[in-house]
Protein backbone atom coordinates (compact mmCIF):
# COMPACT_ATOMS: atom_id res chain seq x y z
CA UNK A 1 68.93 55.93 119.29
CA UNK A 2 71.41 54.41 121.78
CA UNK A 3 75.09 54.37 120.92
CA UNK A 4 76.42 50.91 120.21
CA UNK A 5 79.76 50.27 121.86
CA UNK A 6 82.35 47.70 120.91
CA UNK A 7 85.85 46.64 121.79
CA UNK A 8 88.30 48.62 119.62
CA UNK A 9 89.64 46.74 116.64
CA UNK A 10 93.45 46.52 116.87
CA UNK A 11 93.77 47.36 113.16
CA UNK A 12 91.76 50.55 113.67
CA UNK A 13 93.99 51.55 116.58
CA UNK A 14 97.07 50.95 114.45
CA UNK A 15 95.84 53.54 111.94
CA UNK A 16 95.57 56.11 114.73
CA UNK A 17 99.00 55.54 116.17
CA UNK A 18 101.66 57.94 114.95
CA UNK A 19 105.16 58.14 116.35
CA UNK A 20 107.53 60.86 115.29
CA UNK A 21 111.15 60.04 114.71
CA UNK A 22 112.97 61.67 117.63
CA UNK A 23 115.09 64.69 116.73
CA UNK A 24 118.44 64.26 118.43
CA UNK A 25 119.44 67.86 117.70
CA UNK A 26 118.43 69.49 120.99
CA UNK A 27 118.77 73.06 119.75
CA UNK A 28 116.63 72.43 116.68
CA UNK A 29 114.03 70.56 118.72
CA UNK A 30 113.93 73.38 121.29
CA UNK A 31 113.52 76.08 118.65
CA UNK A 32 110.94 74.18 116.60
CA UNK A 33 108.81 73.93 119.74
CA UNK A 34 108.77 77.73 120.01
CA UNK A 35 105.63 78.98 118.30
CA UNK A 36 105.72 82.63 119.40
CA UNK A 37 108.22 85.29 120.36
CA UNK A 38 107.05 84.80 123.95
CA UNK A 39 108.09 81.16 123.64
CA UNK A 40 111.56 82.28 122.53
CA UNK A 41 111.65 84.65 125.50
CA UNK A 42 110.90 81.75 127.85
CA UNK A 43 113.74 79.71 126.38
CA UNK A 44 116.08 82.71 126.49
CA UNK A 45 115.31 83.31 130.15
CA UNK A 46 116.09 79.71 130.98
CA UNK A 47 119.39 79.69 129.10
CA UNK A 48 120.82 83.12 129.96
CA UNK A 49 122.24 84.37 133.27
CA UNK A 50 119.84 86.70 135.00
CA UNK A 51 121.90 89.88 134.67
CA UNK A 52 122.34 89.47 130.91
CA UNK A 53 118.72 88.46 130.38
CA UNK A 54 117.41 91.38 132.43
CA UNK A 55 119.57 93.81 130.47
CA UNK A 56 117.66 92.74 127.36
CA UNK A 57 114.26 92.22 128.91
CA UNK A 58 114.19 95.29 131.15
CA UNK A 59 113.37 98.94 130.60
CA UNK A 60 113.69 102.21 132.51
CA UNK A 61 112.39 102.96 135.99
CA UNK A 62 109.04 101.18 136.53
CA UNK A 63 109.04 99.97 132.90
CA UNK A 64 105.74 101.73 132.21
CA UNK A 65 106.72 102.85 128.71
CA UNK A 66 107.44 99.30 127.60
CA UNK A 67 104.28 97.94 129.18
CA UNK A 68 102.13 100.61 127.51
CA UNK A 69 103.76 100.04 124.12
CA UNK A 70 102.99 96.33 124.22
CA UNK A 71 99.49 96.95 125.50
CA UNK A 72 98.83 99.36 122.62
CA UNK A 73 99.35 96.51 120.17
CA UNK A 74 97.18 94.16 122.22
CA UNK A 75 94.43 96.76 122.06
CA UNK A 76 94.31 96.70 118.26
CA UNK A 77 91.01 95.69 116.68
CA UNK A 78 91.26 94.41 113.10
CA UNK A 79 88.56 94.78 110.43
CA UNK A 80 88.89 92.08 107.76
CA UNK A 81 87.45 92.10 104.26
CA UNK A 82 85.72 89.03 102.80
CA UNK A 83 85.67 86.86 99.68
CA UNK A 84 89.06 87.84 98.34
CA UNK A 85 91.62 85.44 96.92
CA UNK A 86 94.58 85.45 99.31
CA UNK A 87 96.29 82.29 98.09
CA UNK A 88 99.32 84.50 97.41
CA UNK A 89 100.53 87.24 99.76
CA UNK A 90 103.39 89.62 99.00
CA UNK A 91 105.24 90.78 102.13
CA UNK A 92 108.00 92.69 100.32
CA UNK A 93 108.47 96.44 100.53
CA UNK A 94 110.88 99.25 99.78
CA UNK A 95 112.27 101.33 102.62
CA UNK A 96 114.87 104.11 102.71
CA UNK A 97 115.79 103.55 99.10
CA UNK A 98 116.18 99.78 99.10
CA UNK A 99 114.26 96.50 99.20
CA UNK A 100 113.20 94.34 102.12
CA UNK A 101 111.52 90.95 101.81
CA UNK A 102 109.54 91.65 104.99
CA UNK A 103 108.20 94.84 106.59
CA UNK A 104 110.63 94.66 109.50
CA UNK A 105 114.35 94.77 110.11
CA UNK A 106 116.65 94.02 113.03
CA UNK A 107 117.07 97.00 115.32
CA UNK A 108 120.42 98.16 116.72
CA UNK A 109 121.25 96.58 120.07
CA UNK A 110 124.21 97.24 122.34
CA UNK A 111 126.60 94.75 123.96
CA UNK A 112 124.98 91.97 121.95
CA UNK A 113 127.66 89.29 122.28
CA UNK A 114 127.21 89.42 126.04
CA UNK A 115 123.68 88.10 125.50
CA UNK A 116 124.94 85.20 123.36
CA UNK A 117 128.38 84.78 121.92
CA UNK A 118 127.34 84.77 118.23
CA UNK A 119 125.90 88.25 118.68
CA UNK A 120 125.86 90.49 115.61
CA UNK A 121 127.35 87.71 113.49
CA UNK A 122 124.14 85.73 113.96
CA UNK A 123 121.90 88.78 113.53
CA UNK A 124 123.48 90.10 110.35
CA UNK A 125 123.79 86.66 108.75
CA UNK A 126 120.17 85.80 109.51
CA UNK A 127 118.98 89.18 108.23
CA UNK A 128 120.94 88.75 105.03
CA UNK A 129 119.52 85.28 104.46
CA UNK A 130 115.98 86.57 105.03
CA UNK A 131 116.44 89.60 102.80
CA UNK A 132 115.80 92.19 105.53
CA UNK A 133 117.99 95.04 106.85
CA UNK A 134 120.33 94.63 109.80
CA UNK A 135 121.33 97.64 111.91
CA UNK A 136 124.58 97.71 113.87
CA UNK A 137 124.66 99.78 117.06
CA UNK A 138 127.36 102.27 118.00
CA UNK A 139 127.59 100.15 121.16
CA UNK A 140 127.69 96.89 119.23
CA UNK A 141 130.23 94.18 119.97
CA UNK A 142 131.24 93.43 116.40
CA UNK A 143 133.11 95.79 114.13
CA UNK A 144 131.55 97.55 111.16
CA UNK A 145 133.89 95.71 108.84
CA UNK A 146 133.10 92.28 110.30
CA UNK A 147 129.35 92.86 109.95
CA UNK A 148 129.89 93.76 106.30
CA UNK A 149 131.98 90.61 105.81
CA UNK A 150 129.26 88.50 107.44
CA UNK A 151 126.47 90.09 105.42
CA UNK A 152 128.26 91.18 102.23
CA UNK A 153 125.25 91.34 99.93
CA UNK A 154 122.55 92.39 102.37
CA UNK A 155 121.38 95.78 103.58
CA UNK A 156 123.50 96.95 106.49
CA UNK A 157 122.51 100.06 108.46
CA UNK A 158 124.48 101.86 111.17
CA UNK A 159 123.01 103.48 114.27
CA UNK A 160 124.94 106.52 115.48
CA UNK A 161 125.15 108.15 118.90
CA UNK A 162 126.75 111.56 119.16
CA UNK A 163 129.67 111.10 121.54
CA UNK A 164 131.39 113.68 123.73
CA UNK A 165 134.40 113.08 121.56
CA UNK A 166 132.95 114.03 118.18
CA UNK A 167 135.96 112.53 116.42
CA UNK A 168 134.78 109.08 117.50
CA UNK A 169 131.32 109.65 116.00
CA UNK A 170 132.70 111.08 112.76
CA UNK A 171 135.16 108.22 112.50
CA UNK A 172 132.38 105.65 112.82
CA UNK A 173 130.36 107.43 110.13
CA UNK A 174 133.32 107.34 107.76
CA UNK A 175 133.96 103.65 108.44
CA UNK A 176 130.30 102.75 107.86
CA UNK A 177 130.26 104.67 104.58
CA UNK A 178 133.50 103.06 103.42
CA UNK A 179 132.13 99.61 104.26
CA UNK A 180 129.06 100.23 102.10
CA UNK A 181 126.40 100.62 104.78
CA UNK A 182 123.47 102.31 103.03
CA UNK A 183 121.49 103.96 105.85
CA UNK A 184 122.48 105.87 108.99
CA UNK A 185 120.11 105.96 111.98
CA UNK A 186 120.97 109.17 113.84
CA UNK A 187 119.69 108.55 117.38
CA UNK A 188 118.38 111.53 119.33
CA UNK A 189 116.73 110.13 122.48
CA UNK A 190 119.87 109.41 124.52
CA UNK A 191 121.46 112.61 125.85
CA UNK A 192 121.92 110.64 129.07
CA UNK A 193 121.14 107.06 130.05
CA UNK A 194 117.75 106.07 131.37
CA UNK A 195 117.42 104.54 134.84
CA UNK A 196 117.93 100.84 134.11
CA UNK A 197 117.06 99.63 137.59
CA UNK A 198 117.32 95.92 136.82
CA UNK A 199 120.95 96.44 135.76
CA UNK A 200 121.74 98.27 138.98
CA UNK A 201 120.11 95.65 141.14
CA UNK A 202 121.87 92.83 139.29
CA UNK A 203 125.21 94.62 139.23
CA UNK A 204 125.34 94.18 135.46
CA UNK A 205 128.53 95.73 134.18
CA UNK A 206 130.63 95.91 131.03
CA UNK A 207 132.55 93.65 130.98
CA UNK A 208 130.59 91.34 133.32
CA UNK A 209 132.15 91.10 136.77
CA UNK A 210 132.65 87.56 138.03
CA UNK A 211 131.19 87.89 141.50
CA UNK A 212 130.01 84.98 143.60
CA UNK A 213 126.43 85.82 142.67
CA UNK A 214 127.00 86.03 138.91
CA UNK A 215 129.09 82.86 138.88
CA UNK A 216 126.44 80.95 140.83
CA UNK A 217 123.77 82.13 138.40
CA UNK A 218 125.87 81.29 135.34
CA UNK A 219 127.18 77.86 136.38
CA UNK A 220 123.98 76.03 135.29
CA UNK A 221 124.32 77.74 131.89
CA UNK A 222 127.82 76.72 130.72
CA UNK A 223 127.06 77.57 127.07
CA UNK A 224 126.90 81.28 128.01
CA UNK A 225 130.57 81.24 128.97
CA UNK A 226 131.45 80.54 125.37
CA UNK A 227 132.10 84.26 124.81
CA UNK A 228 135.31 83.82 126.86
CA UNK A 229 136.63 81.40 124.21
CA UNK A 230 136.07 83.75 121.28
CA UNK A 231 137.66 87.03 120.22
CA UNK A 232 137.71 89.75 122.85
CA UNK A 233 134.57 91.88 122.83
CA UNK A 234 135.06 94.94 120.66
CA UNK A 235 133.17 98.14 121.43
CA UNK A 236 133.43 100.43 118.45
CA UNK A 237 132.91 103.60 120.49
CA UNK A 238 134.31 102.78 123.94
CA UNK A 239 138.00 103.12 124.56
CA UNK A 240 137.59 101.99 128.17
CA UNK A 241 135.02 99.90 129.98
CA UNK A 242 134.26 98.97 133.54
CA UNK A 243 130.98 100.04 135.06
CA UNK A 244 127.24 99.72 134.62
CA UNK A 245 125.70 100.34 131.23
CA UNK A 246 124.26 103.60 132.51
CA UNK A 247 127.65 104.80 133.71
CA UNK A 248 129.27 103.94 130.41
CA UNK A 249 126.56 105.67 128.40
CA UNK A 250 126.72 108.80 130.54
CA UNK A 251 130.48 108.95 130.20
CA UNK A 252 130.32 108.63 126.42
CA UNK A 253 127.15 110.49 125.35
CA UNK A 254 126.92 114.26 125.02
CA UNK A 255 123.84 115.94 126.54
CA UNK A 256 124.57 119.05 124.46
CA UNK A 257 123.55 117.28 121.21
CA UNK A 258 121.67 119.68 118.91
CA UNK A 259 120.32 120.23 115.41
CA UNK A 260 123.77 121.51 114.50
CA UNK A 261 125.09 117.96 114.97
CA UNK A 262 122.42 116.74 112.57
CA UNK A 263 123.65 119.24 109.98
CA UNK A 264 127.24 118.09 110.39
CA UNK A 265 126.36 114.42 110.08
CA UNK A 266 124.28 115.11 106.99
CA UNK A 267 127.28 116.77 105.37
CA UNK A 268 129.57 113.78 105.93
CA UNK A 269 127.15 110.87 105.39
CA UNK A 270 126.59 109.93 101.71
CA UNK A 271 123.68 107.52 102.18
CA UNK A 272 120.14 107.74 103.53
CA UNK A 273 119.88 109.70 106.80
CA UNK A 274 117.12 108.66 109.20
CA UNK A 275 116.48 110.18 112.63
CA UNK A 276 115.65 107.59 115.31
CA UNK A 277 113.97 108.34 118.63
CA UNK A 278 111.40 110.92 117.51
CA UNK A 279 108.54 111.22 120.02
CA UNK A 280 106.34 114.14 118.96
CA UNK A 281 104.35 115.36 115.98
CA UNK A 282 106.08 118.77 116.01
CA UNK A 283 109.56 117.24 115.83
CA UNK A 284 108.43 114.88 113.07
CA UNK A 285 107.20 117.82 110.98
CA UNK A 286 110.37 119.81 111.58
CA UNK A 287 112.59 116.92 110.51
CA UNK A 288 110.52 116.36 107.38
CA UNK A 289 110.89 120.06 106.53
CA UNK A 290 114.65 119.81 107.07
CA UNK A 291 114.80 117.15 104.39
CA UNK A 292 115.99 114.05 106.23
CA UNK A 293 115.15 110.80 104.46
CA UNK A 294 112.89 109.46 107.19
CA UNK A 295 112.25 109.11 110.91
CA UNK A 296 111.73 106.29 113.37
CA UNK A 297 109.08 106.86 116.01
CA UNK A 298 110.67 105.22 119.03
CA UNK A 299 111.03 105.61 122.78
CA UNK A 300 114.11 103.38 122.73
CA UNK A 301 112.18 100.30 123.75
CA UNK A 302 111.08 102.05 126.94
CA UNK A 303 114.71 102.14 128.07
CA UNK A 304 115.14 105.92 128.31
CA UNK A 305 112.29 108.16 129.53
CA UNK A 306 109.65 106.17 131.37
CA UNK A 307 106.05 107.25 130.66
CA UNK A 308 107.18 108.42 127.21
CA UNK A 309 104.66 108.54 124.36
CA UNK A 310 103.71 105.21 122.79
CA UNK A 311 105.14 105.26 119.24
CA UNK A 312 102.24 103.25 117.81
CA UNK A 313 99.78 105.76 119.25
CA UNK A 314 101.71 108.66 117.69
CA UNK A 315 101.88 107.04 114.28
CA UNK A 316 98.55 108.07 112.68
CA UNK A 317 98.82 111.76 113.52
CA UNK A 318 102.47 111.94 112.50
CA UNK A 319 101.71 110.34 109.12
CA UNK A 320 98.85 112.79 108.55
CA UNK A 321 101.05 115.77 109.33
CA UNK A 322 104.19 114.82 107.39
CA UNK A 323 102.40 113.32 104.40
CA UNK A 324 102.39 109.85 102.93
CA UNK A 325 105.51 110.44 100.81
CA UNK A 326 107.72 110.92 103.90
CA UNK A 327 108.90 107.62 105.35
CA UNK A 328 107.97 106.95 108.97
CA UNK A 329 109.12 103.75 110.65
CA UNK A 330 108.19 102.60 114.14
CA UNK A 331 109.60 100.39 116.89
CA UNK A 332 109.06 99.55 120.58
CA UNK A 333 106.76 96.84 121.88
CA UNK A 334 106.56 94.64 118.78
CA UNK A 335 106.18 91.00 119.81
CA UNK A 336 103.93 89.56 117.08
CA UNK A 337 103.59 89.75 113.32
CA UNK A 338 100.12 91.24 113.80
CA UNK A 339 101.79 94.21 115.54
CA UNK A 340 103.80 94.79 112.37
CA UNK A 341 100.74 94.47 110.13
CA UNK A 342 98.84 96.95 112.30
CA UNK A 343 101.74 99.42 112.09
CA UNK A 344 101.87 99.22 108.30
CA UNK A 345 98.10 99.64 108.12
CA UNK A 346 98.31 102.79 110.23
CA UNK A 347 100.81 104.34 107.85
CA UNK A 348 104.24 103.10 108.92
CA UNK A 349 106.72 102.51 106.12
CA UNK A 350 108.61 99.91 108.14
CA UNK A 351 109.20 98.49 111.61
CA UNK A 352 112.20 97.40 113.66
CA UNK A 353 112.43 94.60 116.24
CA UNK A 354 115.00 94.58 119.04
CA UNK A 355 114.01 92.41 121.97
CA UNK A 356 112.35 89.83 119.70
CA UNK A 357 115.69 89.47 117.89
CA UNK A 358 117.62 89.13 121.15
CA UNK A 359 115.18 86.57 122.56
CA UNK A 360 115.82 84.46 119.46
CA UNK A 361 119.58 84.99 119.75
CA UNK A 362 119.66 83.97 123.42
CA UNK A 363 117.41 80.99 122.71
CA UNK A 364 119.61 79.52 120.01
CA UNK A 365 122.23 81.75 118.37
CA UNK A 366 121.95 82.08 114.60
CA UNK A 367 119.31 79.36 114.42
CA UNK A 368 117.32 81.20 117.08
CA UNK A 369 117.38 84.43 115.06
CA UNK A 370 116.28 82.47 111.99
CA UNK A 371 113.41 81.05 114.04
CA UNK A 372 112.43 84.52 115.24
CA UNK A 373 112.23 85.75 111.65
CA UNK A 374 110.24 82.67 110.62
CA UNK A 375 107.75 83.17 113.44
CA UNK A 376 107.15 86.82 112.57
CA UNK A 377 106.95 86.00 108.85
CA UNK A 378 104.32 83.31 109.46
CA UNK A 379 102.31 85.65 111.68
CA UNK A 380 102.48 88.48 109.13
CA UNK A 381 101.34 86.25 106.28
CA UNK A 382 98.55 84.66 108.29
CA UNK A 383 97.29 88.04 109.55
CA UNK A 384 97.29 89.47 106.03
CA UNK A 385 95.41 86.44 104.72
CA UNK A 386 92.82 86.71 107.48
CA UNK A 387 92.43 90.43 106.74
CA UNK A 388 92.16 89.32 103.09
CA UNK A 389 94.79 91.58 101.59
CA UNK A 390 97.39 90.48 99.05
CA UNK A 391 100.10 93.06 99.66
CA UNK A 392 101.30 95.57 102.22
CA UNK A 393 100.11 98.37 99.95
CA UNK A 394 96.53 97.17 100.41
CA UNK A 395 96.67 97.70 104.18
CA UNK A 396 94.93 100.93 105.21
CA UNK A 397 93.78 102.58 108.45
CA UNK A 398 90.32 101.14 107.75
CA UNK A 399 91.74 97.74 108.68
CA UNK A 400 92.62 98.85 112.23
CA UNK A 401 91.05 100.53 115.22
CA UNK A 402 93.39 101.62 118.00
CA UNK A 403 91.44 100.97 121.18
CA UNK A 404 92.59 103.26 123.97
CA UNK A 405 92.93 102.65 127.68
CA UNK A 406 94.80 105.89 128.26
CA UNK A 407 93.25 109.12 127.01
CA UNK A 408 94.33 112.60 128.14
CA UNK A 409 91.77 114.51 130.18
CA UNK A 410 92.80 117.58 128.21
CA UNK A 411 95.76 118.17 125.97
CA UNK A 412 98.43 119.98 127.97
CA UNK A 413 96.19 120.13 131.05
CA UNK A 414 97.91 121.20 134.28
CA UNK A 415 95.09 120.31 136.67
CA UNK A 416 92.98 117.23 137.20
CA UNK A 417 89.38 117.42 138.31
CA UNK A 418 88.84 115.23 141.41
CA UNK A 419 86.47 112.31 141.05
């Protein structure tokens, strides 16, 4: 039967026309248009000088570790159930002795106010409002006490590096305990700094040097200069600055760090003690036997040893070996709520996000961090509903297959058979 055509009726067209009231708040309009963490990254790249953006975005050497970590999550295959009522989904959990409204927290990041002037103030306030933990870095740019004041009722964690001057490390531990921080992340993957080649090529230094190149790159981004109008950057662990990040880390960190330092810290820290930067099954088992409160499988966001193990790949075997009662968190490479759901399904107690947080911060300060949390929350809920589970506790390894692109020819093999 032929289709009968007619001239559109103006009244019918009127019903189809819909004009939104323009939002004159440019920041809100920009952030609302961001639907993914990658969208926030795109905005952050546009609004942040190259050296500062690359410090966040980059990793060590050829950045293979970071690329593999993200690819591992892309290679996840989900296995949903059917015909289950998922009108209500509970994303809350308990981790390291306290609650979290979502199965992720904000990871410790260094030099944060150089990325965007609100820095840890935005991160801790947004985390508190969302009911998730915030972790302050030893190399943070806001004091322990100011983070506590910004997030007085939320869960504040402190990430500790062992410094050459042990008195500095012990002093930070005492301050964090006095301020009421409940969990200490003892970081063990940074005896020396990784090769951050982007920073070297960009001449990124602490504090930033105002060369002709950096000024030319920053002029189109006048909002970034706002950090010059606020309080001087405070580095809790650095008495002097002036050099690349790698140079500063190497001057401050102690490559002789050992299990004896772990014992000392455990004696002086009254809260939960978690070891961050674990990258093998054997070390995971040893730490569990030593009685720490948990571990974080992490290769430092790919920023230390390139070609390091992928934390998400390590997760299932580690959980099997240490037992389900021992808490194992994971970070590195998380860019989507589905990555978090997959991690929980494979046995993780919790996850941490670093770059995702900083992309939101650079894209829009506190509001950008709020948007980052909202995006991940929406993705987590939607993924759980599509898997047809009502709570995190219902997620199991049966929901996930880790597809592998990289498989060892032979564990510990020294030779490779030619093709």
